[in-house]
C-alpha cells in the first residue's frame, strides 16, 4: 500500500488552515480577556469556557487540516469520522466555549437575534439539520459536492451552522433561550438519533458501493483535488482508494456507516446522561424544570 506522504507536507498538514485556526483562537482571547471591558455586561473568562473553545478549535484542525482530511477524500470511513466529529462533537463544545455575555452581545444584533429565535426552535432545528444531513448523503448530491471545491466548502459550512442550531436547544448557555425542560430534552435527543438512522442504514446495508467519488478512479481523482494540487496529482499514477487501503470499497463504505452511528450513539448518550441527571437534581431540589419560553420581541 502507498503512503500518504507522497502527497507532500502541505496536503497532509494544511499550514494555512492551521494559521487560520490560530488566528481565531487569538481573536477569541483578545475579545474575551483583553477587550472584554468594551462589551456591556462582560465577565471574566472561565477556564472551562476557554477549554471548551480551544478543544473545539483543535478538533476542527484535526478533522479539516491534519492527514485525516486527506484520508477522508481517499476512504469513506475517514470521511464519516470527519462528519461525525464536525457535526456532533465540535458544535456543542463551541457553544459552551463562548461566554454567556458574548452570546448576548451577538444575539442583540437585530438580524442574528431574529434568525436565532426562529432557526433554533426545537422542531425546526431538528428537522432541518437531519434532513440536510440525509440529503447530502444521497449519492448524486454527495458526488456532485465532492467534486467542486466551492460547493464542498459551502455545503460543509452550511451543515456546520445547522448543527449549531440543532445543538442549541440542548446546550444553550442562556436561560432565556432554554425552551426545553429536562424530559423534553431527552425526547429531543432521542428524535435526533432516530432521524439520522435512515442515512446510516442505507450506507451500512446496501450491497453495492454508492459513491462514484470513491469507486470511479476519475471521479475519485477529481475529489482529491480539493486538498491536493492538481499538478502534483498529474505526476502520480493512482488508480483508486485500494492503493491506500486493504479494504474493499463495500467494506470501507459499511465501516463508515457503522462508525457514524457508533460515534452518534456515544455523543448523544453522553448528552442524554447529562440532561437526565441535571433534570433529576432539579427535581430533588425542587427547581422548576420548566423554564419560561423565550419570546422574540
C-alpha atoms as a PDB file:
ATOM      1  CA  UNK A   1       0.000   0.000   0.000  1.00  0.00           C
ATOM      2  CA  UNK A   2       1.117   3.535  -0.728  1.00  0.00           C
ATOM      3  CA  UNK A   3       1.854   6.079   1.997  1.00  0.00           C
ATOM      4  CA  UNK A   4       0.036   9.415   2.280  1.00  0.00           C
ATOM      5  CA  UNK A   5       3.466  11.073   2.357  1.00  0.00           C
ATOM      6  CA  UNK A   6       3.530  11.039  -1.448  1.00  0.00           C
ATOM      7  CA  UNK A   7       1.103  13.990  -1.403  1.00  0.00           C
ATOM      8  CA  UNK A   8       3.539  16.302   0.394  1.00  0.00           C
ATOM      9  CA  UNK A   9       3.582  18.369   3.582  1.00  0.00           C
ATOM     10  CA  UNK A  10       1.030  20.998   2.531  1.00  0.00           C
ATOM     11  CA  UNK A  11      -1.624  18.435   1.599  1.00  0.00           C
ATOM     12  CA  UNK A  12      -1.004  16.497   4.818  1.00  0.00           C
ATOM     13  CA  UNK A  13      -0.911  19.348   7.348  1.00  0.00           C
ATOM     14  CA  UNK A  14      -2.646  22.359   5.712  1.00  0.00           C
ATOM     15  CA  UNK A  15      -0.355  25.033   7.249  1.00  0.00           C
ATOM     16  CA  UNK A  16      -2.559  27.924   6.057  1.00  0.00           C
ATOM     17  CA  UNK A  17      -5.593  26.419   7.732  1.00  0.00           C
ATOM     18  CA  UNK A  18      -3.546  25.997  10.914  1.00  0.00           C
ATOM     19  CA  UNK A  19      -2.679  29.708  10.833  1.00  0.00           C
ATOM     20  CA  UNK A  20      -6.381  30.465  10.350  1.00  0.00           C
ATOM     21  CA  UNK A  21      -7.301  28.381  13.418  1.00  0.00           C
ATOM     22  CA  UNK A  22      -4.563  30.048  15.494  1.00  0.00           C
ATOM     23  CA  UNK A  23      -5.854  33.466  14.410  1.00  0.00           C
ATOM     24  CA  UNK A  24      -9.370  32.540  15.567  1.00  0.00           C
ATOM     25  CA  UNK A  25      -8.029  31.401  18.947  1.00  0.00           C
ATOM     26  CA  UNK A  26      -6.009  34.622  19.310  1.00  0.00           C
ATOM     27  CA  UNK A  27      -9.073  36.701  18.406  1.00  0.00           C
ATOM     28  CA  UNK A  28     -11.149  34.780  20.947  1.00  0.00           C
ATOM     29  CA  UNK A  29      -8.766  35.608  23.800  1.00  0.00           C
ATOM     30  CA  UNK A  30      -8.434  39.233  22.700  1.00  0.00           C
ATOM     31  CA  UNK A  31     -12.221  39.653  22.800  1.00  0.00           C
ATOM     32  CA  UNK A  32     -12.872  37.676  25.982  1.00  0.00           C
ATOM     33  CA  UNK A  33      -9.868  38.879  28.006  1.00  0.00           C
ATOM     34  CA  UNK A  34      -8.097  41.990  26.746  1.00  0.00           C
ATOM     35  CA  UNK A  35     -11.021  43.935  25.253  1.00  0.00           C
ATOM     36  CA  UNK A  36     -13.959  42.431  27.143  1.00  0.00           C
ATOM     37  CA  UNK A  37     -14.461  45.666  29.084  1.00  0.00           C
ATOM     38  CA  UNK A  38     -15.787  47.279  25.918  1.00  0.00           C
ATOM     39  CA  UNK A  39     -18.743  44.861  25.828  1.00  0.00           C
ATOM     40  CA  UNK A  40     -21.696  45.545  28.116  1.00  0.00           C
ATOM     41  CA  UNK A  41     -22.205  43.004  30.911  1.00  0.00           C
ATOM     42  CA  UNK A  42     -18.900  41.208  30.319  1.00  0.00           C
ATOM     43  CA  UNK A  43     -17.456  38.916  32.982  1.00  0.00           C
ATOM     44  CA  UNK A  44     -14.035  37.258  33.465  1.00  0.00           C
ATOM     45  CA  UNK A  45     -13.427  34.314  31.171  1.00  0.00           C
ATOM     46  CA  UNK A  46     -13.754  30.999  32.984  1.00  0.00           C
ATOM     47  CA  UNK A  47     -11.193  28.232  32.454  1.00  0.00           C
ATOM     48  CA  UNK A  48     -13.897  25.784  31.444  1.00  0.00           C
ATOM     49  CA  UNK A  49     -15.134  28.097  28.686  1.00  0.00           C
ATOM     50  CA  UNK A  50     -11.610  28.624  27.345  1.00  0.00           C
ATOM     51  CA  UNK A  51     -11.011  24.875  27.497  1.00  0.00           C
ATOM     52  CA  UNK A  52     -14.171  24.093  25.515  1.00  0.00           C
ATOM     53  CA  UNK A  53     -13.331  26.671  22.843  1.00  0.00           C
ATOM     54  CA  UNK A  54      -9.687  25.657  22.390  1.00  0.00           C
ATOM     55  CA  UNK A  55     -10.701  21.977  22.278  1.00  0.00           C
ATOM     56  CA  UNK A  56     -13.292  22.758  19.599  1.00  0.00           C
ATOM     57  CA  UNK A  57     -10.679  24.602  17.524  1.00  0.00           C
ATOM     58  CA  UNK A  58      -8.113  21.821  17.978  1.00  0.00           C
ATOM     59  CA  UNK A  59     -10.633  19.215  16.815  1.00  0.00           C
ATOM     60  CA  UNK A  60     -11.573  21.432  13.880  1.00  0.00           C
ATOM     61  CA  UNK A  61      -7.944  21.489  12.767  1.00  0.00           C
ATOM     62  CA  UNK A  62      -7.560  17.728  13.249  1.00  0.00           C
ATOM     63  CA  UNK A  63     -10.569  16.887  11.078  1.00  0.00           C
ATOM     64  CA  UNK A  64     -10.080  19.574   8.415  1.00  0.00           C
ATOM     65  CA  UNK A  65      -6.332  20.269   8.424  1.00  0.00           C
ATOM     66  CA  UNK A  66      -4.471  17.138   9.509  1.00  0.00           C
ATOM     67  CA  UNK A  67      -3.839  13.971   7.424  1.00  0.00           C
ATOM     68  CA  UNK A  68      -7.342  12.843   8.452  1.00  0.00           C
ATOM     69  CA  UNK A  69      -8.777  15.379   5.992  1.00  0.00           C
ATOM     70  CA  UNK A  70      -6.694  13.938   3.160  1.00  0.00           C
ATOM     71  CA  UNK A  71      -7.644  10.406   4.190  1.00  0.00           C
ATOM     72  CA  UNK A  72     -11.292  11.485   4.179  1.00  0.00           C
ATOM     73  CA  UNK A  73     -11.008  12.137   0.431  1.00  0.00           C
ATOM     74  CA  UNK A  74      -9.421   8.731  -0.099  1.00  0.00           C
ATOM     75  CA  UNK A  75     -11.539   6.438   2.097  1.00  0.00           C
ATOM     76  CA  UNK A  76     -15.191   6.696   3.057  1.00  0.00           C
ATOM     77  CA  UNK A  77     -14.749   5.577   6.669  1.00  0.00           C
ATOM     78  CA  UNK A  78     -12.379   8.511   7.354  1.00  0.00           C
ATOM     79  CA  UNK A  79     -14.889  10.852   5.738  1.00  0.00           C
ATOM     80  CA  UNK A  80     -17.602   9.670   8.130  1.00  0.00           C
ATOM     81  CA  UNK A  81     -15.311  10.158  11.135  1.00  0.00           C
ATOM     82  CA  UNK A  82     -14.925  13.729   9.919  1.00  0.00           C
ATOM     83  CA  UNK A  83     -18.683  14.177   9.554  1.00  0.00           C
ATOM     84  CA  UNK A  84     -19.443  12.771  12.989  1.00  0.00           C
ATOM     85  CA  UNK A  85     -16.817  14.906  14.721  1.00  0.00           C
ATOM     86  CA  UNK A  86     -17.591  18.087  12.797  1.00  0.00           C
ATOM     87  CA  UNK A  87     -21.356  17.998  13.354  1.00  0.00           C
ATOM     88  CA  UNK A  88     -21.785  16.088  16.602  1.00  0.00           C
ATOM     89  CA  UNK A  89     -18.725  16.951  18.727  1.00  0.00           C
ATOM     90  CA  UNK A  90     -17.411  20.384  17.739  1.00  0.00           C
ATOM     91  CA  UNK A  91     -20.702  22.402  17.797  1.00  0.00           C
ATOM     92  CA  UNK A  92     -21.632  21.784  21.469  1.00  0.00           C
ATOM     93  CA  UNK A  93     -18.039  22.480  22.542  1.00  0.00           C
ATOM     94  CA  UNK A  94     -18.100  25.724  20.552  1.00  0.00           C
ATOM     95  CA  UNK A  95     -21.433  26.814  22.050  1.00  0.00           C
ATOM     96  CA  UNK A  96     -20.217  26.143  25.595  1.00  0.00           C
ATOM     97  CA  UNK A  97     -16.864  27.796  24.902  1.00  0.00           C
ATOM     98  CA  UNK A  98     -18.374  31.199  24.114  1.00  0.00           C
ATOM     99  CA  UNK A  99     -19.188  33.128  27.340  1.00  0.00           C
ATOM    100  CA  UNK A 100     -22.830  33.970  28.072  1.00  0.00           C
ATOM    101  CA  UNK A 101     -22.222  37.737  27.892  1.00  0.00           C
ATOM    102  CA  UNK A 102     -20.616  37.368  24.457  1.00  0.00           C
ATOM    103  CA  UNK A 103     -23.561  35.284  23.235  1.00  0.00           C
ATOM    104  CA  UNK A 104     -25.920  38.028  24.443  1.00  0.00           C
ATOM    105  CA  UNK A 105     -23.871  40.656  22.610  1.00  0.00           C
ATOM    106  CA  UNK A 106     -24.035  38.574  19.423  1.00  0.00           C
ATOM    107  CA  UNK A 107     -27.759  37.890  19.759  1.00  0.00           C
ATOM    108  CA  UNK A 108     -28.512  41.564  20.380  1.00  0.00           C
ATOM    109  CA  UNK A 109     -27.630  42.203  16.747  1.00  0.00           C
ATOM    110  CA  UNK A 110     -31.027  42.609  15.014  1.00  0.00           C
ATOM    111  CA  UNK A 111     -30.679  40.130  12.156  1.00  0.00           C
ATOM    112  CA  UNK A 112     -28.835  37.439  14.126  1.00  0.00           C
ATOM    113  CA  UNK A 113     -31.181  37.665  17.120  1.00  0.00           C
ATOM    114  CA  UNK A 114     -34.314  37.297  14.995  1.00  0.00           C
ATOM    115  CA  UNK A 115     -32.744  34.485  12.960  1.00  0.00           C
ATOM    116  CA  UNK A 116     -31.783  32.560  16.116  1.00  0.00           C
ATOM    117  CA  UNK A 117     -35.266  32.918  17.573  1.00  0.00           C
ATOM    118  CA  UNK A 118     -36.639  31.071  14.522  1.00  0.00           C
ATOM    119  CA  UNK A 119     -33.987  28.529  13.461  1.00  0.00           C
ATOM    120  CA  UNK A 120     -33.268  27.300  17.000  1.00  0.00           C
ATOM    121  CA  UNK A 121     -36.878  26.355  17.676  1.00  0.00           C
ATOM    122  CA  UNK A 122     -36.514  22.648  18.539  1.00  0.00           C
ATOM    123  CA  UNK A 123     -38.765  21.221  15.817  1.00  0.00           C
ATOM    124  CA  UNK A 124     -37.249  23.399  13.095  1.00  0.00           C
ATOM    125  CA  UNK A 125     -33.645  22.759  14.184  1.00  0.00           C
ATOM    126  CA  UNK A 126     -34.310  19.016  14.475  1.00  0.00           C
ATOM    127  CA  UNK A 127     -35.855  18.574  11.028  1.00  0.00           C
ATOM    128  CA  UNK A 128     -33.627  20.978   9.093  1.00  0.00           C
ATOM    129  CA  UNK A 129     -30.280  19.582  10.264  1.00  0.00           C
ATOM    130  CA  UNK A 130     -31.161  15.901   9.978  1.00  0.00           C
ATOM    131  CA  UNK A 131     -32.922  16.470   6.660  1.00  0.00           C
ATOM    132  CA  UNK A 132     -29.928  18.346   5.231  1.00  0.00           C
ATOM    133  CA  UNK A 133     -27.511  15.690   6.507  1.00  0.00           C
ATOM    134  CA  UNK A 134     -29.559  12.896   4.904  1.00  0.00           C
ATOM    135  CA  UNK A 135     -29.942  14.749   1.587  1.00  0.00           C
ATOM    136  CA  UNK A 136     -26.195  15.421   1.496  1.00  0.00           C
ATOM    137  CA  UNK A 137     -25.530  11.660   1.543  1.00  0.00           C
ATOM    138  CA  UNK A 138     -27.795  10.946  -1.433  1.00  0.00           C
ATOM    139  CA  UNK A 139     -25.233   9.626  -3.964  1.00  0.00           C
ATOM    140  CA  UNK A 140     -25.986  12.171  -6.734  1.00  0.00           C
ATOM    141  CA  UNK A 141     -25.718  15.129  -4.343  1.00  0.00           C
ATOM    142  CA  UNK A 142     -22.714  13.723  -2.481  1.00  0.00           C
ATOM    143  CA  UNK A 143     -20.701  13.033  -5.642  1.00  0.00           C
ATOM    144  CA  UNK A 144     -21.527  16.440  -7.133  1.00  0.00           C
ATOM    145  CA  UNK A 145     -20.466  18.286  -3.982  1.00  0.00           C
ATOM    146  CA  UNK A 146     -17.278  16.240  -3.528  1.00  0.00           C
ATOM    147  CA  UNK A 147     -16.019  17.261  -6.973  1.00  0.00           C
ATOM    148  CA  UNK A 148     -16.415  21.031  -6.512  1.00  0.00           C
ATOM    149  CA  UNK A 149     -14.224  22.927  -4.061  1.00  0.00           C
ATOM    150  CA  UNK A 150     -16.718  25.784  -3.729  1.00  0.00           C
ATOM    151  CA  UNK A 151     -19.779  23.572  -3.323  1.00  0.00           C
ATOM    152  CA  UNK A 152     -17.912  21.384  -0.831  1.00  0.00           C
ATOM    153  CA  UNK A 153     -16.832  24.381   1.261  1.00  0.00           C
ATOM    154  CA  UNK A 154     -20.325  25.920   1.098  1.00  0.00           C
ATOM    155  CA  UNK A 155     -22.278  22.770   1.967  1.00  0.00           C
ATOM    156  CA  UNK A 156     -19.848  21.784   4.740  1.00  0.00           C
ATOM    157  CA  UNK A 157     -20.129  25.260   6.289  1.00  0.00           C
ATOM    158  CA  UNK A 158     -23.926  25.245   5.970  1.00  0.00           C
ATOM    159  CA  UNK A 159     -24.225  21.844   7.667  1.00  0.00           C
ATOM    160  CA  UNK A 160     -21.926  23.054  10.459  1.00  0.00           C
ATOM    161  CA  UNK A 161     -24.129  26.101  11.074  1.00  0.00           C
ATOM    162  CA  UNK A 162     -27.240  23.904  11.032  1.00  0.00           C
ATOM    163  CA  UNK A 163     -25.514  21.586  13.547  1.00  0.00           C
ATOM    164  CA  UNK A 164     -25.026  24.566  15.874  1.00  0.00           C
ATOM    165  CA  UNK A 165     -28.747  25.360  15.575  1.00  0.00           C
ATOM    166  CA  UNK A 166     -29.574  21.699  16.265  1.00  0.00           C
ATOM    167  CA  UNK A 167     -27.408  21.595  19.412  1.00  0.00           C
ATOM    168  CA  UNK A 168     -28.610  24.948  20.743  1.00  0.00           C
ATOM    169  CA  UNK A 169     -31.847  23.661  22.380  1.00  0.00           C
ATOM    170  CA  UNK A 170     -29.735  21.094  24.277  1.00  0.00           C
ATOM    171  CA  UNK A 171     -26.726  23.104  25.468  1.00  0.00           C
ATOM    172  CA  UNK A 172     -27.784  26.770  25.166  1.00  0.00           C
ATOM    173  CA  UNK A 173     -25.952  28.619  27.983  1.00  0.00           C
ATOM    174  CA  UNK A 174     -28.542  31.432  28.134  1.00  0.00           C
ATOM    175  CA  UNK A 175     -31.513  30.778  30.418  1.00  0.00           C
ATOM    176  CA  UNK A 176     -33.848  32.872  28.268  1.00  0.00           C
ATOM    177  CA  UNK A 177     -33.149  30.514  25.353  1.00  0.00           C
ATOM    178  CA  UNK A 178     -33.597  27.257  27.271  1.00  0.00           C
ATOM    179  CA  UNK A 179     -37.087  26.441  25.996  1.00  0.00           C
ATOM    180  CA  UNK A 180     -36.967  22.680  26.658  1.00  0.00           C
ATOM    181  CA  UNK A 181     -37.477  21.030  30.035  1.00  0.00           C
ATOM    182  CA  UNK A 182     -35.344  18.058  31.096  1.00  0.00           C
ATOM    183  CA  UNK A 183     -37.752  15.415  29.787  1.00  0.00           C
ATOM    184  CA  UNK A 184     -38.330  17.288  26.556  1.00  0.00           C
ATOM    185  CA  UNK A 185     -34.583  17.473  26.012  1.00  0.00           C
ATOM    186  CA  UNK A 186     -34.457  13.690  26.432  1.00  0.00           C
ATOM    187  CA  UNK A 187     -37.120  13.316  23.747  1.00  0.00           C
ATOM    188  CA  UNK A 188     -35.303  15.789  21.504  1.00  0.00           C
ATOM    189  CA  UNK A 189     -32.040  13.812  21.751  1.00  0.00           C
ATOM    190  CA  UNK A 190     -33.843  10.536  21.035  1.00  0.00           C
ATOM    191  CA  UNK A 191     -35.519  12.119  17.999  1.00  0.00           C
ATOM    192  CA  UNK A 192     -32.127  13.229  16.659  1.00  0.00           C
ATOM    193  CA  UNK A 193     -30.828   9.682  16.972  1.00  0.00           C
ATOM    194  CA  UNK A 194     -33.842   8.279  15.148  1.00  0.00           C
ATOM    195  CA  UNK A 195     -33.799  10.799  12.285  1.00  0.00           C
ATOM    196  CA  UNK A 196     -30.127  10.227  11.468  1.00  0.00           C
ATOM    197  CA  UNK A 197     -30.544   6.425  11.398  1.00  0.00           C
ATOM    198  CA  UNK A 198     -32.017   6.030   7.856  1.00  0.00           C
ATOM    199  CA  UNK A 199     -28.961   7.632   6.216  1.00  0.00           C
ATOM    200  CA  UNK A 200     -26.621   5.380   8.221  1.00  0.00           C
ATOM    201  CA  UNK A 201     -28.746   2.295   7.485  1.00  0.00           C
ATOM    202  CA  UNK A 202     -28.699   2.989   3.745  1.00  0.00           C
ATOM    203  CA  UNK A 203     -24.905   3.192   3.813  1.00  0.00           C
ATOM    204  CA  UNK A 204     -24.430   0.119   6.033  1.00  0.00           C
ATOM    205  CA  UNK A 205     -26.862  -2.341   4.448  1.00  0.00           C
ATOM    206  CA  UNK A 206     -26.557  -1.601   0.745  1.00  0.00           C
ATOM    207  CA  UNK A 207     -24.862  -4.337  -1.295  1.00  0.00           C
ATOM    208  CA  UNK A 208     -23.086  -2.090  -3.787  1.00  0.00           C
ATOM    209  CA  UNK A 209     -20.759   0.939  -3.499  1.00  0.00           C
ATOM    210  CA  UNK A 210     -22.926   4.058  -3.546  1.00  0.00           C
ATOM    211  CA  UNK A 211     -20.500   6.863  -4.350  1.00  0.00           C
ATOM    212  CA  UNK A 212     -18.545   7.235  -7.588  1.00  0.00           C
ATOM    213  CA  UNK A 213     -16.086   9.616  -5.872  1.00  0.00           C
ATOM    214  CA  UNK A 214     -14.766   6.530  -4.069  1.00  0.00           C
ATOM    215  CA  UNK A 215     -15.384   3.855  -6.720  1.00  0.00           C
ATOM    216  CA  UNK A 216     -14.630   5.566 -10.050  1.00  0.00           C
ATOM    217  CA  UNK A 217     -10.918   6.452 -10.477  1.00  0.00           C
ATOM    218  CA  UNK A 218     -11.609   9.654 -12.425  1.00  0.00           C
ATOM    219  CA  UNK A 219     -14.228  10.986 -10.008  1.00  0.00           C
ATOM    220  CA  UNK A 220     -12.040   9.935  -7.074  1.00  0.00           C
ATOM    221  CA  UNK A 221      -9.050  11.820  -8.515  1.00  0.00           C
ATOM    222  CA  UNK A 222     -11.251  14.869  -9.106  1.00  0.00           C
ATOM    223  CA  UNK A 223     -12.388  14.776  -5.462  1.00  0.00           C
ATOM    224  CA  UNK A 224      -8.748  14.564  -4.335  1.00  0.00           C
ATOM    225  CA  UNK A 225      -8.116  17.942  -5.972  1.00  0.00           C
ATOM    226  CA  UNK A 226      -9.988  19.523  -3.046  1.00  0.00           C
ATOM    227  CA  UNK A 227      -6.905  19.042  -0.882  1.00  0.00           C
ATOM    228  CA  UNK A 228      -4.097  18.046  -3.282  1.00  0.00           C
ATOM    229  CA  UNK A 229      -2.615  20.204  -6.025  1.00  0.00           C
ATOM    230  CA  UNK A 230      -3.834  19.055  -9.490  1.00  0.00           C
ATOM    231  CA  UNK A 231      -0.262  19.490 -10.722  1.00  0.00           C
ATOM    232  CA  UNK A 232       1.009  17.062  -8.088  1.00  0.00           C
ATOM    233  CA  UNK A 233      -1.791  14.593  -8.850  1.00  0.00           C
ATOM    234  CA  UNK A 234      -0.950  14.687 -12.545  1.00  0.00           C
ATOM    235  CA  UNK A 235       2.511  13.362 -11.730  1.00  0.00           C
ATOM    236  CA  UNK A 236       1.210  10.409  -9.715  1.00  0.00           C
ATOM    237  CA  UNK A 237      -0.058   7.147 -11.160  1.00  0.00           C
ATOM    238  CA  UNK A 238      -3.113   6.498  -8.955  1.00  0.00           C
ATOM    239  CA  UNK A 239      -5.951   4.114  -9.732  1.00  0.00           C
ATOM    240  CA  UNK A 240      -8.191   4.403  -6.659  1.00  0.00           C
ATOM    241  CA  UNK A 241      -8.556   4.085  -2.870  1.00  0.00           C
ATOM    242  CA  UNK A 242      -7.413   0.443  -2.939  1.00  0.00           C
ATOM    243  CA  UNK A 243      -3.847   1.730  -3.338  1.00  0.00           C
ATOM    244  CA  UNK A 244      -4.039   3.135   0.231  1.00  0.00           C
ATOM    245  CA  UNK A 245      -6.299   0.607   1.969  1.00  0.00           C
ATOM    246  CA  UNK A 246      -6.645  -3.166   2.105  1.00  0.00           C
ATOM    247  CA  UNK A 247     -10.443  -2.942   2.498  1.00  0.00           C
ATOM    248  CA  UNK A 248     -12.824  -3.406  -0.403  1.00  0.00           C
ATOM    249  CA  UNK A 249     -14.991  -0.437  -1.410  1.00  0.00           C
ATOM    250  CA  UNK A 250     -18.048  -2.079   0.136  1.00  0.00           C
ATOM    251  CA  UNK A 251     -16.261  -2.844   3.420  1.00  0.00           C
ATOM    252  CA  UNK A 252     -14.973   0.736   3.558  1.00  0.00           C
ATOM    253  CA  UNK A 253     -18.478   2.088   2.956  1.00  0.00           C
ATOM    254  CA  UNK A 254     -20.096  -0.125   5.586  1.00  0.00           C
ATOM    255  CA  UNK A 255     -17.398   0.714   8.130  1.00  0.00           C
ATOM    256  CA  UNK A 256     -18.083   4.402   7.518  1.00  0.00           C
ATOM    257  CA  UNK A 257     -21.789   3.963   8.212  1.00  0.00           C
ATOM    258  CA  UNK A 258     -21.090   1.940  11.364  1.00  0.00           C
ATOM    259  CA  UNK A 259     -18.582   4.483  12.691  1.00  0.00           C
ATOM    260  CA  UNK A 260     -21.010   7.330  12.086  1.00  0.00           C
ATOM    261  CA  UNK A 261     -23.736   5.541  14.023  1.00  0.00           C
ATOM    262  CA  UNK A 262     -21.419   4.479  16.855  1.00  0.00           C
ATOM    263  CA  UNK A 263     -19.994   7.981  17.345  1.00  0.00           C
ATOM    264  CA  UNK A 264     -23.512   9.418  17.231  1.00  0.00           C
ATOM    265  CA  UNK A 265     -24.699   6.965  19.882  1.00  0.00           C
ATOM    266  CA  UNK A 266     -21.747   7.784  22.153  1.00  0.00           C
ATOM    267  CA  UNK A 267     -22.165  11.563  21.814  1.00  0.00           C
ATOM    268  CA  UNK A 268     -25.948  11.511  22.243  1.00  0.00           C
ATOM    269  CA  UNK A 269     -25.542   9.035  25.120  1.00  0.00           C
ATOM    270  CA  UNK A 270     -23.260  11.482  26.959  1.00  0.00           C
ATOM    271  CA  UNK A 271     -25.656  14.356  26.277  1.00  0.00           C
ATOM    272  CA  UNK A 272     -28.604  12.227  27.405  1.00  0.00           C
ATOM    273  CA  UNK A 273     -26.898  11.267  30.663  1.00  0.00           C
ATOM    274  CA  UNK A 274     -26.003  14.894  31.408  1.00  0.00           C
ATOM    275  CA  UNK A 275     -29.551  16.097  30.702  1.00  0.00           C
ATOM    276  CA  UNK A 276     -31.163  13.286  32.684  1.00  0.00           C
ATOM    277  CA  UNK A 277     -29.020  13.756  35.801  1.00  0.00           C
ATOM    278  CA  UNK A 278     -29.445  17.532  35.677  1.00  0.00           C
ATOM    279  CA  UNK A 279     -33.213  17.066  35.467  1.00  0.00           C
ATOM    280  CA  UNK A 280     -33.093  14.573  38.369  1.00  0.00           C
ATOM    281  CA  UNK A 281     -31.102  17.012  40.534  1.00  0.00           C
ATOM    282  CA  UNK A 282     -33.543  19.820  39.740  1.00  0.00           C
ATOM    283  CA  UNK A 283     -36.439  17.572  40.737  1.00  0.00           C
ATOM    284  CA  UNK A 284     -34.753  16.642  44.008  1.00  0.00           C
ATOM    285  CA  UNK A 285     -34.011  20.263  44.918  1.00  0.00           C
ATOM    286  CA  UNK A 286     -37.452  21.458  43.918  1.00  0.00           C
ATOM    287  CA  UNK A 287     -36.281  23.591  40.999  1.00  0.00           C
ATOM    288  CA  UNK A 288     -38.941  24.011  38.360  1.00  0.00           C
ATOM    289  CA  UNK A 289     -37.664  22.085  35.324  1.00  0.00           C
ATOM    290  CA  UNK A 290     -39.975  24.012  33.003  1.00  0.00           C
ATOM    291  CA  UNK A 291     -38.155  27.232  32.003  1.00  0.00           C
ATOM    292  CA  UNK A 292     -40.080  30.158  30.659  1.00  0.00           C
ATOM    293  CA  UNK A 293     -40.103  30.075  26.853  1.00  0.00           C
ATOM    294  CA  UNK A 294     -38.060  32.775  25.152  1.00  0.00           C
ATOM    295  CA  UNK A 295     -40.215  35.277  23.305  1.00  0.00           C
ATOM    296  CA  UNK A 296     -38.662  37.126  20.397  1.00  0.00           C
ATOM    297  CA  UNK A 297     -39.757  40.763  20.787  1.00  0.00           C
END
